[in-house]
Amino acid sequence: MRFVLLGPPGAGKGTQAVMLAKHFHIPHISTGDILRANVSQGTELGVAARSYMDRGELVPDEVLIGIIRNRLQESDCVSGFMLDGFPRTISQADSLEEILAELGNPLDAVINIDVSDHALLKRLSGRRICKKCGTSYHIIFNTPSRGKCSCGGELYQRDDDNEESIKNRLMVYHFQTQPLINYYKSKNLLKPVNGESEIDIIQTDIIRTLENI
């Protein structure tokens, strides 16, 4: 199974990615993870990427795509993979298609976890993090006991979890991702999944969608 996982901030993409990788026995390929791995290992592409990251600049497509190409050629990707955080643009999607065509392993699907902005705002603005251990809570969906973490740590709200910041993040996400959604829809690869259900229901829906391709 080879697929891309899309979803806005707060859609639960990270949670679903872990469970889906385990269910399908495939690697979860996160752009951030493989960038950090290449940088820490000092690969040629990692060194190139670090030179941009150290200057606070975005890693250019040619470097990022090279890293993705190398990762998809590794042995654990033979039976499939899940891409998370790549592609982000039409240009990157075209490059991914070329890489997979060379490998003879085209995408099976692009899963888009669909959640309304209203629901996302409610989710993200209610999130609270433990200062001591980093455990995440929610004032509505996962209420902390006695207002503290189970470890006894104080809870706080991240600066980017306020309403204004969330709205800005969602606006940027839609601006960047909508063309990609349209791109994969035109190729009949896009599979939308309702992301406003319970976690296990969403997982079941994604698995059923992929297994019925």
N, C-alpha and C. Protein backbone atom coordinates (compact mmCIF):
# COMPACT_ATOMS: atom_id res chain seq x y z
N MET A 1 0.84 -1.18 0.00
CA MET A 1 0.00 0.00 0.00
C MET A 1 0.88 1.25 0.00
N ARG A 2 0.66 2.12 -0.98
CA ARG A 2 1.45 3.35 -1.10
C ARG A 2 0.50 4.54 -1.14
N PHE A 3 0.58 5.38 -0.13
CA PHE A 3 -0.34 6.52 -0.10
C PHE A 3 0.23 7.73 0.60
N VAL A 4 -0.39 8.88 0.32
CA VAL A 4 -0.05 10.15 0.95
C VAL A 4 -1.16 10.46 1.95
N LEU A 5 -0.78 10.98 3.11
CA LEU A 5 -1.75 11.35 4.13
C LEU A 5 -1.79 12.87 4.26
N LEU A 6 -2.97 13.45 3.98
CA LEU A 6 -3.17 14.89 4.09
C LEU A 6 -4.14 15.18 5.23
N GLY A 7 -4.02 16.38 5.79
CA GLY A 7 -4.95 16.79 6.84
C GLY A 7 -4.50 18.09 7.46
N PRO A 8 -5.42 18.96 7.83
CA PRO A 8 -5.07 20.25 8.42
C PRO A 8 -4.55 20.12 9.84
N PRO A 9 -3.97 21.17 10.40
CA PRO A 9 -3.52 21.14 11.80
C PRO A 9 -4.70 20.81 12.71
N GLY A 10 -4.51 19.84 13.59
CA GLY A 10 -5.58 19.47 14.51
C GLY A 10 -6.49 18.37 14.02
N ALA A 11 -6.21 17.84 12.82
CA ALA A 11 -7.06 16.79 12.25
C ALA A 11 -6.76 15.42 12.83
N GLY A 12 -5.68 15.32 13.59
CA GLY A 12 -5.31 14.02 14.16
C GLY A 12 -4.48 13.17 13.22
N LYS A 13 -3.83 13.84 12.27
CA LYS A 13 -3.05 13.13 11.26
C LYS A 13 -1.92 12.31 11.89
N GLY A 14 -1.24 12.90 12.87
CA GLY A 14 -0.14 12.20 13.51
C GLY A 14 -0.58 10.93 14.21
N THR A 15 -1.70 11.02 14.91
CA THR A 15 -2.25 9.84 15.60
C THR A 15 -2.61 8.75 14.61
N GLN A 16 -3.29 9.13 13.52
CA GLN A 16 -3.70 8.15 12.52
C GLN A 16 -2.49 7.55 11.81
N ALA A 17 -1.46 8.37 11.56
CA ALA A 17 -0.28 7.89 10.85
C ALA A 17 0.39 6.73 11.60
N VAL A 18 0.52 6.87 12.91
CA VAL A 18 1.15 5.82 13.72
C VAL A 18 0.37 4.51 13.61
N MET A 19 -0.95 4.61 13.74
CA MET A 19 -1.79 3.41 13.71
C MET A 19 -1.84 2.78 12.32
N LEU A 20 -1.87 3.61 11.28
CA LEU A 20 -1.93 3.09 9.91
C LEU A 20 -0.64 2.40 9.51
N ALA A 21 0.49 2.97 9.91
CA ALA A 21 1.78 2.35 9.60
C ALA A 21 1.86 0.97 10.25
N LYS A 22 1.36 0.86 11.46
CA LYS A 22 1.38 -0.42 12.17
C LYS A 22 0.43 -1.42 11.53
N HIS A 23 -0.75 -0.94 11.13
CA HIS A 23 -1.75 -1.84 10.54
C HIS A 23 -1.27 -2.42 9.21
N PHE A 24 -0.70 -1.56 8.35
CA PHE A 24 -0.29 -2.01 7.02
C PHE A 24 1.17 -2.50 6.98
N HIS A 25 1.87 -2.40 8.10
CA HIS A 25 3.27 -2.84 8.17
C HIS A 25 4.13 -2.12 7.13
N ILE A 26 3.98 -0.80 7.09
CA ILE A 26 4.74 0.02 6.15
C ILE A 26 5.39 1.18 6.91
N PRO A 27 6.46 1.74 6.37
CA PRO A 27 7.10 2.88 7.05
C PRO A 27 6.30 4.17 6.93
N HIS A 28 6.30 4.92 8.00
CA HIS A 28 5.69 6.25 8.03
C HIS A 28 6.79 7.24 7.70
N ILE A 29 6.74 7.81 6.52
CA ILE A 29 7.80 8.70 6.06
C ILE A 29 7.38 10.15 6.25
N SER A 30 7.89 10.75 7.30
CA SER A 30 7.61 12.15 7.61
C SER A 30 8.74 13.02 7.10
N THR A 31 8.40 14.08 6.39
CA THR A 31 9.42 14.97 5.84
C THR A 31 10.36 15.47 6.92
N GLY A 32 9.78 15.92 8.04
CA GLY A 32 10.60 16.43 9.13
C GLY A 32 11.56 15.39 9.67
N ASP A 33 11.07 14.17 9.83
CA ASP A 33 11.90 13.08 10.38
C ASP A 33 13.08 12.75 9.48
N ILE A 34 12.83 12.62 8.17
CA ILE A 34 13.93 12.23 7.30
C ILE A 34 14.90 13.38 7.05
N LEU A 35 14.42 14.61 7.13
CA LEU A 35 15.33 15.75 7.05
C LEU A 35 16.30 15.73 8.24
N ARG A 36 15.71 15.57 9.43
CA ARG A 36 16.54 15.54 10.64
C ARG A 36 17.51 14.36 10.61
N ALA A 37 17.06 13.21 10.10
CA ALA A 37 17.91 12.03 10.04
C ALA A 37 19.09 12.27 9.11
N ASN A 38 18.84 12.86 7.96
CA ASN A 38 19.92 13.13 7.01
C ASN A 38 20.91 14.16 7.55
N VAL A 39 20.38 15.15 8.26
CA VAL A 39 21.25 16.17 8.85
C VAL A 39 22.12 15.54 9.93
N SER A 40 21.52 14.73 10.82
CA SER A 40 22.28 14.12 11.92
C SER A 40 23.29 13.10 11.43
N GLN A 41 22.97 12.43 10.30
CA GLN A 41 23.88 11.42 9.75
C GLN A 41 24.97 12.04 8.87
N GLY A 42 24.80 13.32 8.55
CA GLY A 42 25.80 14.01 7.75
C GLY A 42 25.85 13.54 6.31
N THR A 43 24.71 13.08 5.76
CA THR A 43 24.70 12.68 4.35
C THR A 43 24.95 13.91 3.48
N GLU A 44 25.29 13.67 2.23
CA GLU A 44 25.57 14.79 1.32
C GLU A 44 24.36 15.71 1.22
N LEU A 45 23.18 15.12 1.08
CA LEU A 45 21.97 15.93 0.99
C LEU A 45 21.63 16.56 2.33
N GLY A 46 21.95 15.85 3.42
CA GLY A 46 21.72 16.39 4.75
C GLY A 46 22.56 17.63 5.02
N VAL A 47 23.81 17.59 4.58
CA VAL A 47 24.70 18.74 4.72
C VAL A 47 24.15 19.93 3.93
N ALA A 48 23.67 19.62 2.72
CA ALA A 48 23.09 20.68 1.89
C ALA A 48 21.85 21.28 2.56
N ALA A 49 21.01 20.40 3.11
CA ALA A 49 19.78 20.85 3.78
C ALA A 49 20.11 21.71 4.99
N ARG A 50 21.11 21.28 5.76
CA ARG A 50 21.47 22.01 6.98
C ARG A 50 21.94 23.43 6.69
N SER A 51 22.62 23.60 5.57
CA SER A 51 23.12 24.93 5.22
C SER A 51 21.97 25.92 5.07
N TYR A 52 20.83 25.44 4.59
CA TYR A 52 19.65 26.31 4.46
C TYR A 52 18.94 26.45 5.80
N MET A 53 18.80 25.35 6.53
CA MET A 53 18.10 25.36 7.81
C MET A 53 18.80 26.26 8.82
N ASP A 54 20.14 26.25 8.81
CA ASP A 54 20.91 27.09 9.74
C ASP A 54 20.71 28.58 9.46
N ARG A 55 20.36 28.89 8.22
CA ARG A 55 20.11 30.29 7.86
C ARG A 55 18.64 30.66 8.01
N GLY A 56 17.84 29.68 8.48
CA GLY A 56 16.41 29.93 8.66
C GLY A 56 15.64 29.95 7.36
N GLU A 57 16.21 29.33 6.32
CA GLU A 57 15.57 29.31 5.01
C GLU A 57 14.92 27.95 4.76
N LEU A 58 13.96 27.92 3.85
CA LEU A 58 13.33 26.66 3.47
C LEU A 58 14.31 25.82 2.67
N VAL A 59 14.28 24.53 2.89
CA VAL A 59 15.11 23.62 2.11
C VAL A 59 14.55 23.58 0.69
N PRO A 60 15.35 23.88 -0.34
CA PRO A 60 14.84 23.93 -1.71
C PRO A 60 14.37 22.56 -2.19
N ASP A 61 13.48 22.58 -3.15
CA ASP A 61 12.87 21.35 -3.66
C ASP A 61 13.90 20.32 -4.13
N GLU A 62 14.94 20.78 -4.82
CA GLU A 62 15.89 19.82 -5.38
C GLU A 62 16.58 19.00 -4.28
N VAL A 63 16.82 19.63 -3.13
CA VAL A 63 17.44 18.91 -2.02
C VAL A 63 16.43 17.99 -1.35
N LEU A 64 15.24 18.52 -1.06
CA LEU A 64 14.20 17.74 -0.41
C LEU A 64 13.78 16.54 -1.25
N ILE A 65 13.63 16.76 -2.54
CA ILE A 65 13.21 15.68 -3.44
C ILE A 65 14.29 14.60 -3.52
N GLY A 66 15.55 15.03 -3.48
CA GLY A 66 16.65 14.06 -3.47
C GLY A 66 16.60 13.18 -2.24
N ILE A 67 16.28 13.78 -1.10
CA ILE A 67 16.18 13.03 0.14
C ILE A 67 15.00 12.05 0.08
N ILE A 68 13.88 12.52 -0.45
CA ILE A 68 12.69 11.66 -0.60
C ILE A 68 13.00 10.50 -1.55
N ARG A 69 13.68 10.81 -2.66
CA ARG A 69 14.02 9.77 -3.64
C ARG A 69 14.85 8.66 -2.98
N ASN A 70 15.87 9.06 -2.24
CA ASN A 70 16.72 8.08 -1.56
C ASN A 70 15.94 7.25 -0.56
N ARG A 71 15.03 7.90 0.17
CA ARG A 71 14.26 7.17 1.19
C ARG A 71 13.34 6.14 0.55
N LEU A 72 12.71 6.49 -0.56
CA LEU A 72 11.77 5.58 -1.21
C LEU A 72 12.46 4.39 -1.87
N GLN A 73 13.77 4.49 -2.03
CA GLN A 73 14.53 3.39 -2.63
C GLN A 73 15.03 2.39 -1.58
N GLU A 74 14.81 2.69 -0.30
CA GLU A 74 15.25 1.79 0.75
C GLU A 74 14.37 0.54 0.79
N SER A 75 14.94 -0.55 1.29
CA SER A 75 14.28 -1.86 1.22
C SER A 75 12.94 -1.94 1.93
N ASP A 76 12.76 -1.15 3.01
CA ASP A 76 11.50 -1.25 3.75
C ASP A 76 10.32 -0.61 3.03
N CYS A 77 10.60 0.06 1.89
CA CYS A 77 9.53 0.68 1.11
C CYS A 77 9.04 -0.22 -0.02
N VAL A 78 9.65 -1.39 -0.16
CA VAL A 78 9.29 -2.29 -1.26
C VAL A 78 7.81 -2.68 -1.20
N SER A 79 7.33 -2.95 0.01
CA SER A 79 5.94 -3.40 0.15
C SER A 79 4.97 -2.25 0.39
N GLY A 80 5.47 -1.02 0.39
CA GLY A 80 4.60 0.13 0.55
C GLY A 80 5.17 1.18 1.48
N PHE A 81 4.47 2.31 1.57
CA PHE A 81 4.91 3.41 2.43
C PHE A 81 3.76 4.39 2.60
N MET A 82 3.88 5.23 3.60
CA MET A 82 2.93 6.32 3.83
C MET A 82 3.72 7.62 3.92
N LEU A 83 3.42 8.57 3.06
CA LEU A 83 4.10 9.86 3.05
C LEU A 83 3.29 10.88 3.85
N ASP A 84 3.98 11.60 4.73
CA ASP A 84 3.34 12.58 5.59
C ASP A 84 4.16 13.87 5.54
N GLY A 85 3.57 14.94 5.02
CA GLY A 85 4.30 16.21 4.91
C GLY A 85 4.93 16.42 3.55
N PHE A 86 4.74 15.48 2.67
CA PHE A 86 5.25 15.58 1.29
C PHE A 86 4.33 14.77 0.39
N PRO A 87 3.92 15.35 -0.75
CA PRO A 87 4.25 16.67 -1.26
C PRO A 87 3.39 17.77 -0.63
N ARG A 88 3.88 19.01 -0.77
CA ARG A 88 3.13 20.17 -0.29
C ARG A 88 2.72 21.09 -1.43
N THR A 89 3.34 20.90 -2.60
CA THR A 89 3.05 21.76 -3.76
C THR A 89 2.84 20.89 -4.99
N ILE A 90 2.29 21.51 -6.03
CA ILE A 90 2.06 20.80 -7.29
C ILE A 90 3.40 20.35 -7.88
N SER A 91 4.40 21.22 -7.78
CA SER A 91 5.73 20.88 -8.31
C SER A 91 6.29 19.65 -7.61
N GLN A 92 6.14 19.59 -6.29
CA GLN A 92 6.62 18.43 -5.54
C GLN A 92 5.81 17.18 -5.90
N ALA A 93 4.52 17.36 -6.14
CA ALA A 93 3.67 16.22 -6.52
C ALA A 93 4.09 15.67 -7.87
N ASP A 94 4.43 16.55 -8.79
CA ASP A 94 4.91 16.11 -10.12
C ASP A 94 6.22 15.34 -9.98
N SER A 95 7.11 15.85 -9.12
CA SER A 95 8.39 15.18 -8.91
C SER A 95 8.19 13.81 -8.27
N LEU A 96 7.27 13.73 -7.32
CA LEU A 96 6.98 12.45 -6.67
C LEU A 96 6.45 11.45 -7.70
N GLU A 97 5.58 11.91 -8.58
CA GLU A 97 5.03 11.02 -9.60
C GLU A 97 6.14 10.48 -10.50
N GLU A 98 7.11 11.32 -10.84
CA GLU A 98 8.23 10.90 -11.68
C GLU A 98 9.09 9.87 -10.96
N ILE A 99 9.36 10.11 -9.68
CA ILE A 99 10.17 9.17 -8.89
C ILE A 99 9.50 7.80 -8.83
N LEU A 100 8.20 7.81 -8.52
CA LEU A 100 7.48 6.55 -8.38
C LEU A 100 7.32 5.82 -9.71
N ALA A 101 7.24 6.59 -10.80
CA ALA A 101 7.17 5.97 -12.13
C ALA A 101 8.50 5.26 -12.43
N GLU A 102 9.62 5.89 -12.05
CA GLU A 102 10.93 5.28 -12.25
C GLU A 102 11.06 3.98 -11.44
N LEU A 103 10.48 3.99 -10.23
CA LEU A 103 10.55 2.82 -9.36
C LEU A 103 9.50 1.78 -9.71
N GLY A 104 8.55 2.15 -10.56
CA GLY A 104 7.47 1.24 -10.93
C GLY A 104 6.47 1.02 -9.81
N ASN A 105 6.35 2.03 -8.92
CA ASN A 105 5.45 1.92 -7.76
C ASN A 105 4.60 3.17 -7.63
N PRO A 106 3.56 3.33 -8.45
CA PRO A 106 2.72 4.52 -8.37
C PRO A 106 1.90 4.55 -7.08
N LEU A 107 1.41 5.74 -6.73
CA LEU A 107 0.55 5.87 -5.55
C LEU A 107 -0.75 5.11 -5.74
N ASP A 108 -1.22 4.53 -4.64
CA ASP A 108 -2.53 3.88 -4.64
C ASP A 108 -3.63 4.88 -4.29
N ALA A 109 -3.30 5.85 -3.43
CA ALA A 109 -4.33 6.79 -2.99
C ALA A 109 -3.70 7.97 -2.26
N VAL A 110 -4.50 9.01 -2.11
CA VAL A 110 -4.15 10.16 -1.28
C VAL A 110 -5.32 10.35 -0.31
N ILE A 111 -5.08 10.07 0.96
CA ILE A 111 -6.12 10.18 1.97
C ILE A 111 -6.15 11.60 2.51
N ASN A 112 -7.31 12.24 2.47
CA ASN A 112 -7.46 13.59 3.01
C ASN A 112 -8.41 13.53 4.20
N ILE A 113 -7.87 13.75 5.41
CA ILE A 113 -8.70 13.78 6.61
C ILE A 113 -9.40 15.13 6.66
N ASP A 114 -10.68 15.12 6.42
CA ASP A 114 -11.46 16.35 6.26
C ASP A 114 -12.12 16.77 7.57
N VAL A 115 -11.77 17.96 8.06
CA VAL A 115 -12.35 18.49 9.29
C VAL A 115 -12.67 19.97 9.05
N SER A 116 -13.85 20.42 9.47
CA SER A 116 -14.24 21.81 9.28
C SER A 116 -13.37 22.74 10.13
N ASP A 117 -13.23 23.98 9.67
CA ASP A 117 -12.45 24.95 10.43
C ASP A 117 -13.05 25.18 11.82
N HIS A 118 -14.37 25.16 11.91
CA HIS A 118 -15.05 25.36 13.20
C HIS A 118 -14.63 24.28 14.20
N ALA A 119 -14.62 23.04 13.74
CA ALA A 119 -14.24 21.92 14.62
C ALA A 119 -12.75 22.01 14.99
N LEU A 120 -11.92 22.40 14.02
CA LEU A 120 -10.49 22.51 14.28
C LEU A 120 -10.19 23.61 15.30
N LEU A 121 -10.91 24.72 15.17
CA LEU A 121 -10.73 25.83 16.10
C LEU A 121 -11.08 25.39 17.52
N LYS A 122 -12.15 24.62 17.63
CA LYS A 122 -12.59 24.12 18.93
C LYS A 122 -11.56 23.16 19.52
N ARG A 123 -11.02 22.30 18.66
CA ARG A 123 -10.03 21.32 19.12
C ARG A 123 -8.74 22.00 19.58
N LEU A 124 -8.18 22.84 18.73
CA LEU A 124 -6.87 23.41 19.00
C LEU A 124 -6.87 24.45 20.11
N SER A 125 -7.94 25.25 20.19
CA SER A 125 -7.98 26.28 21.22
C SER A 125 -8.19 25.69 22.60
N GLY A 126 -8.67 24.44 22.67
CA GLY A 126 -8.90 23.80 23.96
C GLY A 126 -7.75 22.93 24.41
N ARG A 127 -6.67 22.87 23.62
CA ARG A 127 -5.55 22.01 23.95
C ARG A 127 -4.72 22.61 25.09
N ARG A 128 -4.28 21.75 26.01
CA ARG A 128 -3.42 22.17 27.11
C ARG A 128 -2.28 21.16 27.22
N ILE A 129 -1.08 21.65 27.50
CA ILE A 129 0.12 20.82 27.54
C ILE A 129 0.72 20.86 28.94
N CYS A 130 1.21 19.71 29.39
CA CYS A 130 1.87 19.64 30.70
C CYS A 130 3.28 20.23 30.60
N LYS A 131 3.60 21.17 31.50
CA LYS A 131 4.93 21.79 31.50
C LYS A 131 6.02 20.81 31.89
N LYS A 132 5.63 19.78 32.63
CA LYS A 132 6.61 18.85 33.19
C LYS A 132 6.93 17.70 32.24
N CYS A 133 5.88 17.01 31.73
CA CYS A 133 6.12 15.81 30.91
C CYS A 133 5.68 15.94 29.46
N GLY A 134 4.97 17.02 29.13
CA GLY A 134 4.57 17.26 27.74
C GLY A 134 3.30 16.56 27.31
N THR A 135 2.61 15.89 28.23
CA THR A 135 1.34 15.22 27.89
C THR A 135 0.30 16.24 27.45
N SER A 136 -0.46 15.88 26.40
CA SER A 136 -1.46 16.78 25.85
C SER A 136 -2.85 16.44 26.40
N TYR A 137 -3.59 17.49 26.81
CA TYR A 137 -4.96 17.34 27.28
C TYR A 137 -5.88 18.25 26.48
N HIS A 138 -7.17 18.15 26.75
CA HIS A 138 -8.15 19.04 26.11
C HIS A 138 -9.23 19.37 27.12
N ILE A 139 -9.59 20.64 27.20
CA ILE A 139 -10.54 21.07 28.22
C ILE A 139 -11.95 20.52 27.99
N ILE A 140 -12.21 19.97 26.79
CA ILE A 140 -13.52 19.38 26.50
C ILE A 140 -13.42 17.88 26.29
N PHE A 141 -12.49 17.45 25.44
CA PHE A 141 -12.44 16.05 25.02
C PHE A 141 -11.57 15.15 25.91
N ASN A 142 -10.62 15.73 26.61
CA ASN A 142 -9.72 14.94 27.45
C ASN A 142 -9.36 15.78 28.68
N THR A 143 -10.34 15.98 29.53
CA THR A 143 -10.20 16.90 30.66
C THR A 143 -9.21 16.38 31.70
N PRO A 144 -8.25 17.20 32.09
CA PRO A 144 -7.29 16.78 33.11
C PRO A 144 -7.94 16.71 34.49
N SER A 145 -7.54 15.76 35.29
CA SER A 145 -8.09 15.61 36.63
C SER A 145 -7.58 16.73 37.53
N ARG A 146 -8.52 17.42 38.18
CA ARG A 146 -8.19 18.49 39.12
C ARG A 146 -7.37 19.60 38.49
N GLY A 147 -7.46 19.73 37.17
CA GLY A 147 -6.79 20.82 36.49
C GLY A 147 -5.30 20.65 36.32
N LYS A 148 -4.77 19.46 36.65
CA LYS A 148 -3.34 19.21 36.50
C LYS A 148 -3.11 17.90 35.75
N CYS A 149 -1.88 17.73 35.29
CA CYS A 149 -1.49 16.48 34.62
C CYS A 149 -1.44 15.36 35.65
N SER A 150 -1.53 14.13 35.17
CA SER A 150 -1.46 12.97 36.07
C SER A 150 -0.11 12.90 36.78
N CYS A 151 0.92 13.55 36.21
CA CYS A 151 2.24 13.56 36.84
C CYS A 151 2.35 14.69 37.87
N GLY A 152 1.30 15.51 37.93
CA GLY A 152 1.30 16.62 38.88
C GLY A 152 1.75 17.94 38.30
N GLY A 153 2.15 17.90 37.03
CA GLY A 153 2.64 19.11 36.38
C GLY A 153 1.54 20.11 36.05
N GLU A 154 1.92 21.40 36.00
CA GLU A 154 0.99 22.45 35.62
C GLU A 154 0.74 22.40 34.11
N LEU A 155 -0.46 22.83 33.71
CA LEU A 155 -0.81 22.82 32.29
C LEU A 155 -0.76 24.24 31.73
N TYR A 156 -0.42 24.34 30.44
CA TYR A 156 -0.38 25.65 29.79
C TYR A 156 -0.92 25.54 28.37
N GLN A 157 -1.28 26.68 27.81
CA GLN A 157 -1.74 26.75 26.42
C GLN A 157 -0.62 27.28 25.55
N ARG A 158 -0.31 26.57 24.47
CA ARG A 158 0.74 27.01 23.56
C ARG A 158 0.37 28.35 22.93
N ASP A 159 1.38 29.18 22.66
CA ASP A 159 1.13 30.50 22.08
C ASP A 159 0.38 30.40 20.75
N ASP A 160 0.68 29.34 19.97
CA ASP A 160 0.04 29.22 18.66
C ASP A 160 -1.31 28.49 18.73
N ASP A 161 -1.81 28.25 19.94
CA ASP A 161 -3.13 27.63 20.08
C ASP A 161 -4.21 28.64 20.43
N ASN A 162 -3.89 29.94 20.34
CA ASN A 162 -4.95 30.94 20.54
C ASN A 162 -5.73 31.11 19.25
N GLU A 163 -6.93 31.65 19.35
CA GLU A 163 -7.85 31.68 18.21
C GLU A 163 -7.28 32.39 16.99
N GLU A 164 -6.64 33.52 17.18
CA GLU A 164 -6.10 34.27 16.04
C GLU A 164 -5.01 33.48 15.32
N SER A 165 -4.11 32.89 16.09
CA SER A 165 -3.03 32.10 15.49
C SER A 165 -3.57 30.89 14.74
N ILE A 166 -4.58 30.23 15.32
CA ILE A 166 -5.17 29.05 14.68
C ILE A 166 -5.81 29.43 13.35
N LYS A 167 -6.55 30.53 13.34
CA LYS A 167 -7.20 30.97 12.10
C LYS A 167 -6.15 31.26 11.02
N ASN A 168 -5.04 31.87 11.41
CA ASN A 168 -3.97 32.16 10.45
C ASN A 168 -3.34 30.88 9.92
N ARG A 169 -3.11 29.92 10.81
CA ARG A 169 -2.53 28.63 10.39
C ARG A 169 -3.45 27.92 9.41
N LEU A 170 -4.74 27.95 9.68
CA LEU A 170 -5.70 27.27 8.80
C LEU A 170 -5.78 27.98 7.45
N MET A 171 -5.70 29.30 7.47
CA MET A 171 -5.75 30.06 6.22
C MET A 171 -4.55 29.70 5.34
N VAL A 172 -3.38 29.63 5.96
CA VAL A 172 -2.16 29.26 5.23
C VAL A 172 -2.28 27.83 4.70
N TYR A 173 -2.80 26.93 5.54
CA TYR A 173 -2.95 25.52 5.13
C TYR A 173 -3.86 25.42 3.90
N HIS A 174 -5.00 26.07 3.96
CA HIS A 174 -5.94 25.98 2.83
C HIS A 174 -5.33 26.56 1.56
N PHE A 175 -4.62 27.68 1.71
CA PHE A 175 -4.00 28.33 0.55
C PHE A 175 -2.98 27.41 -0.10
N GLN A 176 -2.19 26.73 0.73
CA GLN A 176 -1.13 25.87 0.21
C GLN A 176 -1.64 24.52 -0.28
N THR A 177 -2.66 23.99 0.40
CA THR A 177 -3.06 22.59 0.16
C THR A 177 -4.20 22.42 -0.83
N GLN A 178 -5.08 23.41 -0.96
CA GLN A 178 -6.22 23.24 -1.87
C GLN A 178 -5.80 22.90 -3.30
N PRO A 179 -4.78 23.57 -3.86
CA PRO A 179 -4.33 23.19 -5.21
C PRO A 179 -3.89 21.73 -5.27
N LEU A 180 -3.25 21.23 -4.21
CA LEU A 180 -2.80 19.85 -4.16
C LEU A 180 -3.99 18.90 -4.10
N ILE A 181 -5.01 19.27 -3.35
CA ILE A 181 -6.23 18.47 -3.27
C ILE A 181 -6.89 18.38 -4.64
N ASN A 182 -6.96 19.53 -5.32
CA ASN A 182 -7.55 19.55 -6.67
C ASN A 182 -6.71 18.71 -7.64
N TYR A 183 -5.40 18.77 -7.49
CA TYR A 183 -4.47 18.03 -8.34
C TYR A 183 -4.74 16.52 -8.24
N TYR A 184 -4.81 16.02 -7.01
CA TYR A 184 -5.02 14.59 -6.82
C TYR A 184 -6.46 14.16 -7.13
N LYS A 185 -7.38 15.09 -6.97
CA LYS A 185 -8.76 14.79 -7.34
C LYS A 185 -8.85 14.58 -8.85
N SER A 186 -8.11 15.40 -9.61
CA SER A 186 -8.13 15.28 -11.07
C SER A 186 -7.52 13.98 -11.55
N LYS A 187 -6.68 13.37 -10.69
CA LYS A 187 -6.04 12.10 -11.03
C LYS A 187 -6.78 10.90 -10.43
N ASN A 188 -7.95 11.19 -9.85
CA ASN A 188 -8.78 10.15 -9.22
C ASN A 188 -8.06 9.39 -8.11
N LEU A 189 -7.17 10.08 -7.43
CA LEU A 189 -6.43 9.46 -6.33
C LEU A 189 -6.93 9.92 -4.97
N LEU A 190 -7.63 11.06 -4.92
CA LEU A 190 -8.05 11.65 -3.65
C LEU A 190 -9.18 10.86 -3.01
N LYS A 191 -8.99 10.51 -1.73
CA LYS A 191 -10.00 9.78 -0.97
C LYS A 191 -10.29 10.55 0.32
N PRO A 192 -11.36 11.37 0.34
CA PRO A 192 -11.68 12.12 1.56
C PRO A 192 -12.27 11.23 2.64
N VAL A 193 -11.88 11.50 3.89
CA VAL A 193 -12.38 10.76 5.04
C VAL A 193 -12.85 11.76 6.09
N ASN A 194 -14.02 11.53 6.65
CA ASN A 194 -14.55 12.42 7.68
C ASN A 194 -13.69 12.34 8.94
N GLY A 195 -13.05 13.45 9.28
CA GLY A 195 -12.16 13.48 10.44
C GLY A 195 -12.80 14.01 11.70
N GLU A 196 -14.14 14.10 11.72
CA GLU A 196 -14.83 14.64 12.89
C GLU A 196 -15.47 13.55 13.74
N SER A 197 -15.12 12.29 13.46
CA SER A 197 -15.63 11.17 14.25
C SER A 197 -14.62 10.82 15.35
N GLU A 198 -14.89 9.73 16.06
CA GLU A 198 -13.95 9.24 17.06
C GLU A 198 -12.70 8.69 16.36
N ILE A 199 -11.59 8.67 17.08
CA ILE A 199 -10.31 8.26 16.50
C ILE A 199 -10.39 6.87 15.87
N ASP A 200 -10.99 5.91 16.58
CA ASP A 200 -11.04 4.54 16.05
C ASP A 200 -11.96 4.42 14.84
N ILE A 201 -13.00 5.26 14.78
CA ILE A 201 -13.90 5.25 13.63
C ILE A 201 -13.19 5.82 12.40
N ILE A 202 -12.43 6.89 12.61
CA ILE A 202 -11.66 7.48 11.51
C ILE A 202 -10.66 6.47 10.97
N GLN A 203 -9.99 5.78 11.89
CA GLN A 203 -9.01 4.78 11.48
C GLN A 203 -9.67 3.68 10.66
N THR A 204 -10.81 3.20 11.13
CA THR A 204 -11.54 2.15 10.41
C THR A 204 -11.94 2.62 9.02
N ASP A 205 -12.41 3.87 8.92
CA ASP A 205 -12.82 4.42 7.62
C ASP A 205 -11.64 4.50 6.66
N ILE A 206 -10.48 4.93 7.17
CA ILE A 206 -9.30 5.03 6.32
C ILE A 206 -8.86 3.65 5.84
N ILE A 207 -8.81 2.69 6.75
CA ILE A 207 -8.39 1.34 6.40
C ILE A 207 -9.35 0.74 5.38
N ARG A 208 -10.65 0.91 5.60
CA ARG A 208 -11.65 0.37 4.68
C ARG A 208 -11.49 1.00 3.30
N THR A 209 -11.27 2.33 3.29
CA THR A 209 -11.10 3.04 2.02
C THR A 209 -9.90 2.50 1.26
N LEU A 210 -8.78 2.31 1.95
CA LEU A 210 -7.56 1.83 1.29
C LEU A 210 -7.69 0.39 0.84
N GLU A 211 -8.32 -0.43 1.64
CA GLU A 211 -8.44 -1.86 1.30
C GLU A 211 -9.46 -2.12 0.20
N ASN A 212 -10.30 -1.14 -0.07
CA ASN A 212 -11.30 -1.28 -1.14
C ASN A 212 -10.88 -0.66 -2.45
N ILE A 213 -9.64 -0.19 -2.52
CA ILE A 213 -9.15 0.40 -3.78
C ILE A 213 -8.98 -0.67 -4.84
